[in-house]
Amino acid sequence: MEERMLLLALTLISGIGPARIKAITAHLPGRLGELLHFGIDDLMEIPGIGQSLARQVHHFLHNKATREEALASAEKQIAELQRYNAELITILDTNYPPLLKEIYDPPACLFVRGKLPDANRPALAIVGTRYASHYGKQVTALLCRDLASCEVAIFSGLAYGIDMAAHTATLENGGITVAVLASGVDTIYTDPKGKLWPKIIERGALISEEWLGSELSPGKFPKRNRIISGITSGTIVVESDLKGGSLITAASALEQNREVFAVPGNIFSRTSRGTNRLIQQGSAKAVMSVEDILTELGPQFAKNCSGTVALRNEAPQVELSETERAILQCMQTEAMHIDALATASGIDLSSLLVHLFELELKAAIVQQPGQFFQKRI
């Protein structure tokens, strides 16, 4: 019997999760098929399998109807792969991601559409809130730009907000990105019209441990998050409130002995409360530039990164009048309301509006809703 069919069938047994399947494969290296002939006592020799679970597994595998139904379902899944131009990578395969195999509970099987980055390519995860601010998207774009130039693959979850921004910015800068889904790779629920995911497949992959055709449920998101953190060397949290999936991913990364980084934000912003707390508690290193990440991970992490790369929040080099330069000097990192700019610059509102319009034309600033203005990267 094909081993990958048996691995898929094992995932259908209640009580046999990824950690126990890892233990089973370690107990039977290259001989997984022998499991079908195991008695209860044999099963109990596998770490993590007690008598009750051994009886349950034995009944599942030795009951003809149950076993054949599971194997038929597994065979159907494998047949469906061709329909989506996908492949199945199992924990027994040589091309299974090595970092992911190290964690306590690696997925037994990964459904892949596209191509995973080479195992030698450095990889980082970038995650954050679905309700990303302009600041969060801006920082994400800059991080991804500089990481792409260092040939670092970017993993995220294809959720709205920061995740989407990370995938998009990486692609725009010619980088490789991988989306880890909580659904099957046949159902991209956040991008049903295919504006982004086909491009991800071209430059990377969509991956999931969930079966094709499986329904999405809340419990699958934490499972997905452990893959995002486990398959990479570190996780960068850009924006997050005190609760949310991003902090679950960060917690998983810490449990997996991975590095965690967080982008500090405005103390008055809800979407920065979680990241600031991670830094405050010492759970994450504050990221002011990509160089901070590379310094922490060591020179061997990104060998193709030459020179200093940093977050740059400077206006482009264009010819500005003395008054325009003075206005830019008054502007803070965050967007400023026009009234605050008028007070800081000492310029009356009517004149200030003219100068701001000129600065927009010169692509030196960007206007946000509510008459807020911010220096453009």
Protein backbone atom coordinates (compact mmCIF):
# COMPACT_ATOMS: atom_id res chain seq x y z
CA MET A 1 0.00 0.00 0.00
CA GLU A 2 1.22 3.49 -0.78
CA GLU A 3 2.50 5.12 2.42
CA ARG A 4 0.98 8.51 1.71
CA MET A 5 -2.46 6.93 1.45
CA LEU A 6 -1.94 5.33 4.84
CA LEU A 7 -0.75 8.64 6.32
CA LEU A 8 -3.86 10.38 5.01
CA ALA A 9 -6.02 7.59 6.45
CA LEU A 10 -4.34 7.98 9.85
CA THR A 11 -5.41 11.62 10.01
CA LEU A 12 -9.02 10.41 10.03
CA ILE A 13 -8.61 8.49 13.30
CA SER A 14 -9.99 10.40 16.28
CA GLY A 15 -7.29 10.94 18.89
CA ILE A 16 -4.42 10.50 16.43
CA GLY A 17 -3.17 14.00 15.77
CA PRO A 18 0.03 15.26 14.12
CA ALA A 19 2.23 14.65 17.18
CA ARG A 20 1.22 10.98 17.44
CA ILE A 21 1.57 10.44 13.71
CA LYS A 22 5.09 11.85 14.00
CA ALA A 23 5.74 9.34 16.79
CA ILE A 24 4.36 6.50 14.66
CA THR A 25 6.57 7.36 11.68
CA ALA A 26 9.61 7.65 13.98
CA HIS A 27 8.78 4.25 15.47
CA LEU A 28 8.50 2.65 12.02
CA PRO A 29 11.12 4.35 9.83
CA GLY A 30 10.61 3.16 6.28
CA ARG A 31 8.16 0.50 7.44
CA LEU A 32 4.91 2.38 7.98
CA GLY A 33 2.93 -0.37 6.27
CA GLU A 34 3.69 -2.70 9.19
CA LEU A 35 1.25 -0.64 11.24
CA LEU A 36 -1.62 -2.50 9.58
CA HIS A 37 -0.43 -5.71 11.22
CA PHE A 38 0.18 -4.30 14.69
CA GLY A 39 -1.64 -5.71 17.67
CA ILE A 40 -2.76 -3.64 20.65
CA ASP A 41 0.44 -4.38 22.58
CA ASP A 42 2.54 -3.33 19.58
CA LEU A 43 0.66 -0.04 19.33
CA MET A 44 1.18 0.66 23.03
CA GLU A 45 4.94 0.60 22.48
CA ILE A 46 4.63 3.80 20.43
CA PRO A 47 5.23 6.90 22.59
CA GLY A 48 2.00 8.74 23.37
CA ILE A 49 -0.32 5.81 22.66
CA GLY A 50 -1.90 4.25 25.74
CA GLN A 51 -4.16 1.25 25.99
CA SER A 52 -7.42 3.04 25.26
CA LEU A 53 -6.08 4.76 22.15
CA ALA A 54 -4.29 1.58 21.05
CA ARG A 55 -7.62 -0.27 21.11
CA GLN A 56 -9.26 2.52 19.13
CA VAL A 57 -6.51 2.55 16.48
CA HIS A 58 -6.49 -1.24 16.28
CA HIS A 59 -10.25 -1.35 15.74
CA PHE A 60 -10.03 1.34 13.05
CA LEU A 61 -7.28 -0.42 11.11
CA HIS A 62 -8.55 -3.98 11.53
CA ASN A 63 -12.21 -3.31 10.88
CA LYS A 64 -12.48 -3.96 7.14
CA ALA A 65 -15.29 -1.49 6.49
CA THR A 66 -13.67 1.35 8.45
CA ARG A 67 -10.21 0.78 6.97
CA GLU A 68 -11.41 0.50 3.39
CA GLU A 69 -13.57 3.61 3.71
CA ALA A 70 -10.61 5.62 5.03
CA LEU A 71 -8.26 4.36 2.34
CA ALA A 72 -10.86 5.05 -0.35
CA SER A 73 -11.20 8.64 0.91
CA ALA A 74 -7.41 9.00 0.87
CA GLU A 75 -7.22 7.62 -2.67
CA LYS A 76 -9.89 10.08 -3.78
CA GLN A 77 -7.89 12.97 -2.29
CA ILE A 78 -4.79 11.91 -4.18
CA ALA A 79 -6.79 11.65 -7.40
CA GLU A 80 -8.18 15.17 -6.83
CA LEU A 81 -4.68 16.67 -6.70
CA GLN A 82 -4.38 16.70 -10.48
CA ARG A 83 -7.55 18.76 -10.82
CA TYR A 84 -5.91 21.61 -8.91
CA ASN A 85 -2.39 21.03 -10.24
CA ALA A 86 -1.40 20.30 -6.65
CA GLU A 87 0.84 17.79 -4.94
CA LEU A 88 0.92 16.03 -1.59
CA ILE A 89 4.09 16.24 0.46
CA THR A 90 4.26 13.93 3.47
CA ILE A 91 6.46 13.94 6.52
CA LEU A 92 8.21 10.90 5.02
CA ASP A 93 9.28 12.77 1.87
CA THR A 94 12.74 14.28 1.41
CA ASN A 95 11.24 17.58 0.21
CA TYR A 96 9.18 18.05 3.38
CA PRO A 97 10.19 21.44 4.92
CA PRO A 98 13.00 20.62 7.39
CA LEU A 99 12.17 23.37 9.88
CA LEU A 100 8.55 22.25 10.03
CA LYS A 101 9.58 18.67 10.71
CA GLU A 102 11.37 19.86 13.87
CA ILE A 103 8.26 21.04 15.70
CA TYR A 104 6.35 18.90 18.19
CA ASP A 105 3.29 18.43 15.99
CA PRO A 106 4.19 18.80 12.29
CA PRO A 107 1.43 18.10 9.76
CA ALA A 108 1.64 14.55 8.48
CA CYS A 109 0.67 15.77 5.02
CA LEU A 110 0.83 19.08 3.21
CA PHE A 111 -1.29 19.90 0.18
CA VAL A 112 0.71 22.23 -2.07
CA ARG A 113 -0.26 24.34 -5.07
CA GLY A 114 2.82 25.91 -6.59
CA LYS A 115 6.34 25.27 -5.37
CA LEU A 116 7.76 25.60 -1.88
CA PRO A 117 10.99 27.61 -1.59
CA ASP A 118 14.22 25.67 -1.59
CA ALA A 119 15.05 24.38 1.88
CA ASN A 120 18.22 26.48 1.93
CA ARG A 121 16.39 29.74 1.29
CA PRO A 122 15.89 31.77 4.49
CA ALA A 123 12.25 32.28 5.44
CA LEU A 124 10.33 34.53 7.80
CA ALA A 125 6.65 34.88 8.69
CA ILE A 126 4.90 38.25 8.69
CA VAL A 127 1.51 38.40 10.39
CA GLY A 128 -0.80 41.01 11.82
CA THR A 129 -4.28 42.34 12.29
CA ARG A 130 -7.01 42.15 9.69
CA TYR A 131 -7.74 45.80 10.48
CA ALA A 132 -4.39 47.14 9.33
CA SER A 133 -3.72 50.86 9.53
CA HIS A 134 -1.90 52.83 6.86
CA TYR A 135 1.15 52.72 9.14
CA GLY A 136 0.95 48.93 9.41
CA LYS A 137 0.65 48.45 5.65
CA GLN A 138 3.47 50.93 5.08
CA VAL A 139 5.84 49.13 7.46
CA THR A 140 4.87 45.76 6.00
CA ALA A 141 5.63 46.98 2.48
CA LEU A 142 9.05 48.25 3.53
CA LEU A 143 9.95 45.10 5.45
CA CYS A 144 8.93 42.91 2.53
CA ARG A 145 10.83 45.07 0.05
CA ASP A 146 14.08 44.80 1.99
CA LEU A 147 13.60 41.11 2.85
CA ALA A 148 12.87 40.31 -0.80
CA SER A 149 16.13 42.02 -1.75
CA CYS A 150 17.85 39.65 0.70
CA GLU A 151 16.14 36.68 -0.99
CA VAL A 152 14.15 35.87 2.15
CA ALA A 153 10.90 33.99 1.48
CA ILE A 154 7.86 35.47 3.20
CA PHE A 155 5.18 33.23 4.73
CA SER A 156 1.79 34.49 5.89
CA GLY A 157 -1.83 33.43 6.16
CA LEU A 158 -3.57 35.24 3.26
CA ALA A 159 -5.94 36.90 5.73
CA TYR A 160 -7.20 40.41 5.15
CA GLY A 161 -5.00 43.25 6.38
CA ILE A 162 -1.33 42.69 7.17
CA ASP A 163 -1.18 39.18 5.67
CA MET A 164 -2.46 40.36 2.30
CA ALA A 165 -0.13 43.36 2.43
CA ALA A 166 2.85 41.05 3.07
CA HIS A 167 2.05 38.74 0.15
CA THR A 168 1.36 41.68 -2.18
CA ALA A 169 4.48 43.66 -1.30
CA THR A 170 6.72 40.60 -1.60
CA LEU A 171 5.38 39.87 -5.08
CA GLU A 172 5.71 43.50 -6.14
CA ASN A 173 9.39 43.37 -5.18
CA GLY A 174 10.08 40.14 -7.04
CA GLY A 175 10.20 37.99 -3.92
CA ILE A 176 8.90 34.53 -3.09
CA THR A 177 5.88 34.21 -0.83
CA VAL A 178 3.86 31.29 0.55
CA ALA A 179 0.30 31.45 1.88
CA VAL A 180 -0.59 28.96 4.59
CA LEU A 181 -4.34 28.35 4.54
CA ALA A 182 -6.78 27.24 7.22
CA SER A 183 -8.98 25.84 4.45
CA GLY A 184 -8.09 23.40 1.72
CA VAL A 185 -5.92 24.76 -1.09
CA ASP A 186 -8.94 24.46 -3.36
CA THR A 187 -10.89 27.11 -1.42
CA ILE A 188 -9.26 30.52 -1.08
CA TYR A 189 -12.01 32.19 0.90
CA THR A 190 -10.27 35.57 1.34
CA ASP A 191 -9.55 35.94 -2.37
CA PRO A 192 -12.45 34.26 -4.20
CA LYS A 193 -11.96 36.31 -7.37
CA GLY A 194 -8.32 35.30 -7.66
CA LYS A 195 -6.77 38.76 -7.62
CA LEU A 196 -3.76 37.60 -5.59
CA TRP A 197 -3.50 33.84 -5.12
CA PRO A 198 -2.65 32.93 -8.75
CA LYS A 199 0.35 35.29 -8.51
CA ILE A 200 1.38 33.64 -5.24
CA ILE A 201 1.38 30.25 -6.99
CA GLU A 202 3.57 31.68 -9.77
CA ARG A 203 6.19 32.93 -7.29
CA GLY A 204 5.65 30.54 -4.40
CA ALA A 205 2.85 28.33 -3.14
CA LEU A 206 -0.43 27.86 -1.36
CA ILE A 207 -0.17 25.17 1.32
CA SER A 208 -2.49 23.56 3.85
CA GLU A 209 -2.77 20.42 5.95
CA GLU A 210 -6.54 20.45 5.45
CA TRP A 211 -8.06 18.05 2.94
CA LEU A 212 -9.41 19.29 -0.36
CA GLY A 213 -13.09 20.13 0.03
CA SER A 214 -12.89 20.46 3.81
CA GLU A 215 -15.08 23.05 5.50
CA LEU A 216 -13.57 26.02 7.28
CA SER A 217 -14.02 26.16 11.06
CA PRO A 218 -12.61 28.41 13.84
CA GLY A 219 -10.48 25.61 15.29
CA LYS A 220 -8.46 25.34 12.10
CA PHE A 221 -6.91 28.79 12.43
CA PRO A 222 -4.66 28.02 15.43
CA LYS A 223 -3.58 24.84 13.63
CA ARG A 224 -2.71 26.93 10.58
CA ASN A 225 -0.81 29.44 12.73
CA ARG A 226 1.56 26.81 14.14
CA ILE A 227 2.55 25.95 10.56
CA ILE A 228 3.27 29.60 9.73
CA SER A 229 5.61 29.92 12.70
CA GLY A 230 7.07 26.41 12.49
CA ILE A 231 8.05 26.51 8.83
CA THR A 232 10.09 29.71 9.25
CA SER A 233 13.07 30.90 11.30
CA GLY A 234 11.13 33.73 12.89
CA THR A 235 7.81 35.53 13.03
CA ILE A 236 7.34 39.29 12.64
CA VAL A 237 4.15 40.72 14.14
CA VAL A 238 3.42 44.08 12.53
CA GLU A 239 0.14 45.11 14.17
CA SER A 240 -2.09 43.31 16.67
CA ASP A 241 -4.50 44.05 19.46
CA LEU A 242 -4.15 42.27 22.80
CA LYS A 243 -6.04 39.27 21.41
CA GLY A 244 -5.97 37.75 17.98
CA GLY A 245 -4.49 35.19 15.65
CA SER A 246 -1.20 37.07 15.31
CA LEU A 247 -0.46 36.67 19.00
CA ILE A 248 -1.36 32.97 18.76
CA THR A 249 1.21 32.68 15.97
CA ALA A 250 3.77 34.51 18.12
CA ALA A 251 3.04 32.16 21.05
CA SER A 252 3.49 29.16 18.76
CA ALA A 253 6.81 30.55 17.55
CA LEU A 254 8.05 30.89 21.12
CA GLU A 255 6.97 27.34 21.94
CA GLN A 256 8.79 26.12 18.83
CA ASN A 257 11.97 27.93 19.86
CA ARG A 258 11.70 30.37 16.98
CA GLU A 259 12.53 34.07 17.03
CA VAL A 260 9.72 36.59 17.47
CA PHE A 261 9.89 40.20 16.32
CA ALA A 262 7.35 42.98 16.76
CA VAL A 263 6.98 46.40 15.18
CA PRO A 264 6.36 49.05 17.87
CA GLY A 265 3.42 51.35 17.30
CA ASN A 266 1.46 54.27 18.64
CA ILE A 267 0.55 53.66 22.31
CA PHE A 268 -2.93 55.07 21.61
CA SER A 269 -3.60 52.65 18.74
CA ARG A 270 -5.57 49.48 19.47
CA THR A 271 -3.76 47.70 16.65
CA SER A 272 -0.43 48.31 18.38
CA ARG A 273 -1.38 47.22 21.88
CA GLY A 274 -0.47 43.60 21.22
CA THR A 275 2.86 44.30 19.53
CA ASN A 276 3.86 46.82 22.19
CA ARG A 277 2.95 44.30 24.90
CA LEU A 278 5.11 41.61 23.27
CA ILE A 279 8.06 44.00 23.36
CA GLN A 280 7.28 45.19 26.89
CA GLN A 281 7.19 41.62 28.23
CA GLY A 282 10.41 40.67 26.47
CA SER A 283 8.64 38.10 24.28
CA ALA A 284 9.66 39.85 21.06
CA LYS A 285 12.50 42.00 19.83
CA ALA A 286 11.50 45.44 18.61
CA VAL A 287 11.99 45.86 14.87
CA MET A 288 13.06 49.30 13.70
CA SER A 289 14.66 47.99 10.50
CA VAL A 290 15.31 44.77 8.64
CA GLU A 291 18.86 45.06 9.90
CA ASP A 292 17.49 44.39 13.42
CA ILE A 293 16.16 41.06 12.20
CA LEU A 294 19.32 40.09 10.36
CA THR A 295 21.48 41.01 13.36
CA GLU A 296 19.40 38.79 15.63
CA LEU A 297 19.36 35.81 13.27
CA GLY A 298 23.05 36.01 12.40
CA PRO A 299 25.05 36.52 9.18
CA GLN A 300 24.31 33.01 7.89
CA PHE A 301 20.57 33.69 7.76
CA ALA A 302 20.57 35.90 4.68
CA LYS A 303 23.88 35.54 2.89
CA ASN A 304 22.61 37.41 -0.16
CA CYS A 305 21.88 40.57 1.78
CA SER A 306 24.61 43.10 1.16
CA GLY A 307 24.95 46.42 2.91
CA THR A 308 22.57 47.97 5.39
CA VAL A 309 18.85 47.70 4.78
CA ALA A 310 16.55 49.77 6.93
CA LEU A 311 13.06 51.14 7.15
CA ARG A 312 13.21 54.52 5.45
CA ASN A 313 10.58 57.12 6.17
CA GLU A 314 12.01 59.92 4.11
CA ALA A 315 10.46 61.97 1.33
CA PRO A 316 11.77 61.25 -2.15
CA GLN A 317 14.53 63.45 -3.54
CA VAL A 318 12.61 66.12 -5.42
CA GLU A 319 13.05 69.86 -5.65
CA LEU A 320 11.20 71.47 -2.77
CA SER A 321 10.76 75.08 -1.83
CA GLU A 322 12.02 76.31 1.52
CA THR A 323 8.44 76.43 2.82
CA GLU A 324 7.73 72.88 1.62
CA ARG A 325 10.85 71.59 3.34
CA ALA A 326 9.78 73.34 6.53
CA ILE A 327 6.35 71.67 6.35
CA LEU A 328 7.94 68.24 5.92
CA GLN A 329 10.18 68.86 8.91
CA CYS A 330 7.07 69.55 11.00
CA MET A 331 5.45 66.26 9.99
CA GLN A 332 5.77 63.32 12.33
CA THR A 333 6.01 59.60 11.52
CA GLU A 334 2.25 59.25 12.01
CA ALA A 335 -0.27 61.13 9.90
CA MET A 336 -0.99 64.65 11.15
CA HIS A 337 -4.23 66.59 10.95
CA ILE A 338 -4.07 69.80 8.96
CA ASP A 339 -4.88 71.87 12.06
CA ALA A 340 -1.89 70.38 13.89
CA LEU A 341 0.30 71.08 10.87
CA ALA A 342 -0.88 74.67 10.74
CA THR A 343 0.01 75.14 14.42
CA ALA A 344 3.39 73.41 14.05
CA SER A 345 4.40 75.27 10.90
CA GLY A 346 2.89 78.66 11.71
CA ILE A 347 1.29 78.79 8.27
CA ASP A 348 -2.34 79.83 7.88
CA LEU A 349 -4.73 77.14 6.66
CA SER A 350 -5.43 78.60 3.23
CA SER A 351 -1.74 78.90 2.36
CA LEU A 352 -0.97 75.53 3.95
CA LEU A 353 -3.56 73.81 1.74
CA VAL A 354 -1.80 75.15 -1.37
CA HIS A 355 1.60 73.93 -0.19
CA LEU A 356 0.18 70.53 0.77
CA PHE A 357 -1.37 70.21 -2.67
CA GLU A 358 2.03 70.92 -4.24
CA LEU A 359 3.69 68.35 -1.97
CA GLU A 360 1.12 65.77 -3.04
CA LEU A 361 1.84 66.51 -6.70
CA LYS A 362 5.54 65.98 -5.99
CA ALA A 363 4.71 62.65 -4.31
CA ALA A 364 6.34 63.88 -1.10
CA ILE A 365 3.24 63.34 1.05
CA VAL A 366 0.03 61.35 0.96
CA GLN A 367 -3.35 62.53 2.18
CA GLN A 368 -5.38 60.28 4.48
CA PRO A 369 -9.14 60.54 5.14
CA GLY A 370 -10.23 63.35 7.46
CA GLN A 371 -7.59 65.87 6.28
CA PHE A 372 -4.68 63.92 7.74
CA PHE A 373 -1.35 64.09 5.92
CA GLN A 374 1.69 61.83 6.09
CA LYS A 375 5.18 61.82 4.56
CA ARG A 376 5.41 59.34 1.74
CA ILE A 377 8.09 56.62 1.83
